[in-house]
Amino acid sequence: MALVGASIHADRVAHPQTVRPRTSLAARVAGWVGLLGHLAVLIFYGASGLVAPPWAVLVLLVVWLGLLVLAIVALRRRPAWALAVPVAAVAIWFAAISAGDAWLNWTA
């Protein structure tokens, strides 16, 4: 039994799981650009109150916050993927406002 425990310990020492590959500077810069882009999209989400009812603006802001969490997680794990978050945010916002205009008669 002691031999099995020693074998497991040796594997953990030989293959540490806490070591991550270092991300490139370009990927980290891209991640921060994506996060700043997502913050810029907040203007569109906030201005939705000109067209959408308050409940829809609240739902859109909750979606924006969820995407912010996703952007932060992406920034920490795979920074280059944070660039996709503002693109997705704009697409979601445009789809929601267009759907509200078409099916719920939201007008300015």
Protein backbone atom coordinates (compact mmCIF):
# COMPACT_ATOMS: atom_id res chain seq x y z
CA MET A 1 0.00 0.00 0.00
CA ALA A 2 2.78 2.44 0.84
CA LEU A 3 4.34 1.83 -2.56
CA VAL A 4 1.16 2.94 -4.37
CA GLY A 5 1.03 6.18 -2.38
CA ALA A 6 4.67 6.90 -3.17
CA SER A 7 4.00 6.33 -6.87
CA ILE A 8 1.14 8.84 -6.89
CA HIS A 9 3.30 11.40 -5.08
CA ALA A 10 6.12 10.90 -7.59
CA ASP A 11 3.70 11.53 -10.49
CA ARG A 12 2.52 14.78 -8.94
CA VAL A 13 6.06 16.00 -8.48
CA ALA A 14 7.10 14.95 -11.98
CA HIS A 15 3.97 16.45 -13.65
CA PRO A 16 2.81 19.50 -11.72
CA GLN A 17 -0.65 20.62 -12.81
CA THR A 18 -0.27 24.22 -11.73
CA VAL A 19 2.21 25.15 -14.46
CA ARG A 20 0.55 27.01 -17.33
CA PRO A 21 2.08 27.95 -20.63
CA ARG A 22 2.90 31.65 -20.80
CA THR A 23 0.68 33.66 -23.14
CA SER A 24 2.23 35.98 -25.66
CA LEU A 25 2.21 39.74 -25.27
CA ALA A 26 0.05 40.07 -28.40
CA ALA A 27 -2.59 37.76 -26.91
CA ARG A 28 -2.62 39.70 -23.64
CA VAL A 29 -2.95 43.03 -25.47
CA ALA A 30 -5.74 41.57 -27.61
CA GLY A 31 -7.52 40.44 -24.46
CA TRP A 32 -7.40 43.91 -22.94
CA VAL A 33 -8.58 45.44 -26.21
CA GLY A 34 -11.51 43.04 -26.15
CA LEU A 35 -12.37 44.01 -22.58
CA LEU A 36 -12.20 47.72 -23.44
CA GLY A 37 -14.36 47.06 -26.49
CA HIS A 38 -16.92 45.35 -24.29
CA LEU A 39 -16.98 48.37 -21.99
CA ALA A 40 -17.58 50.59 -25.04
CA VAL A 41 -20.59 48.44 -26.01
CA LEU A 42 -22.21 49.38 -22.68
CA ILE A 43 -23.16 52.73 -24.29
CA PHE A 44 -25.44 50.91 -26.74
CA TYR A 45 -26.97 48.77 -24.01
CA GLY A 46 -27.66 51.83 -21.85
CA ALA A 47 -29.08 53.85 -24.74
CA SER A 48 -31.54 51.06 -25.48
CA GLY A 49 -33.94 52.82 -23.14
CA LEU A 50 -34.72 55.19 -26.01
CA VAL A 51 -36.32 52.33 -27.93
CA ALA A 52 -37.00 49.46 -25.53
CA PRO A 53 -39.18 49.33 -22.42
CA PRO A 54 -37.47 49.34 -19.00
CA TRP A 55 -37.85 45.58 -18.48
CA ALA A 56 -36.06 44.88 -21.75
CA VAL A 57 -33.25 47.30 -20.89
CA LEU A 58 -32.84 45.51 -17.55
CA VAL A 59 -32.64 42.14 -19.33
CA LEU A 60 -30.09 43.53 -21.78
CA LEU A 61 -27.97 44.91 -18.94
CA VAL A 62 -28.04 41.54 -17.18
CA VAL A 63 -26.88 39.92 -20.43
CA TRP A 64 -24.13 42.55 -20.70
CA LEU A 65 -22.98 41.74 -17.16
CA GLY A 66 -22.92 38.04 -18.00
CA LEU A 67 -20.79 38.79 -21.02
CA LEU A 68 -18.49 40.91 -18.83
CA VAL A 69 -17.92 37.89 -16.59
CA LEU A 70 -17.22 35.81 -19.69
CA ALA A 71 -14.74 38.44 -20.92
CA ILE A 72 -12.90 38.45 -17.59
CA VAL A 73 -12.71 34.66 -17.55
CA ALA A 74 -11.46 34.68 -21.14
CA LEU A 75 -8.91 37.36 -20.26
CA ARG A 76 -7.48 35.18 -17.51
CA ARG A 77 -7.52 31.84 -19.36
CA ARG A 78 -7.25 32.54 -23.07
CA PRO A 79 -6.80 36.29 -23.56
CA ALA A 80 -7.20 36.36 -27.33
CA TRP A 81 -10.74 34.96 -27.01
CA ALA A 82 -11.77 38.12 -25.14
CA LEU A 83 -11.86 39.84 -28.54
CA ALA A 84 -14.94 37.80 -29.43
CA VAL A 85 -16.96 39.09 -26.47
CA PRO A 86 -17.69 42.63 -27.75
CA VAL A 87 -18.54 41.22 -31.17
CA ALA A 88 -21.03 38.84 -29.55
CA ALA A 89 -22.36 41.68 -27.38
CA VAL A 90 -23.08 43.87 -30.40
CA ALA A 91 -24.73 40.96 -32.23
CA ILE A 92 -26.94 40.14 -29.22
CA TRP A 93 -27.88 43.78 -28.74
CA PHE A 94 -28.72 44.26 -32.42
CA ALA A 95 -30.76 41.05 -32.51
CA ALA A 96 -32.70 41.97 -29.36
CA ILE A 97 -33.52 45.51 -30.53
CA SER A 98 -34.44 44.30 -34.03
CA ALA A 99 -36.67 41.55 -32.62
CA GLY A 100 -38.35 44.03 -30.29
CA ASP A 101 -39.00 46.38 -33.20
CA ALA A 102 -40.35 43.63 -35.43
CA TRP A 103 -42.46 41.63 -32.97
CA LEU A 104 -43.15 43.92 -30.01
CA ASN A 105 -43.55 47.25 -31.85
CA TRP A 106 -40.77 49.05 -29.99
CA THR A 107 -40.29 52.47 -31.51
CA ALA A 108 -38.29 55.54 -30.60
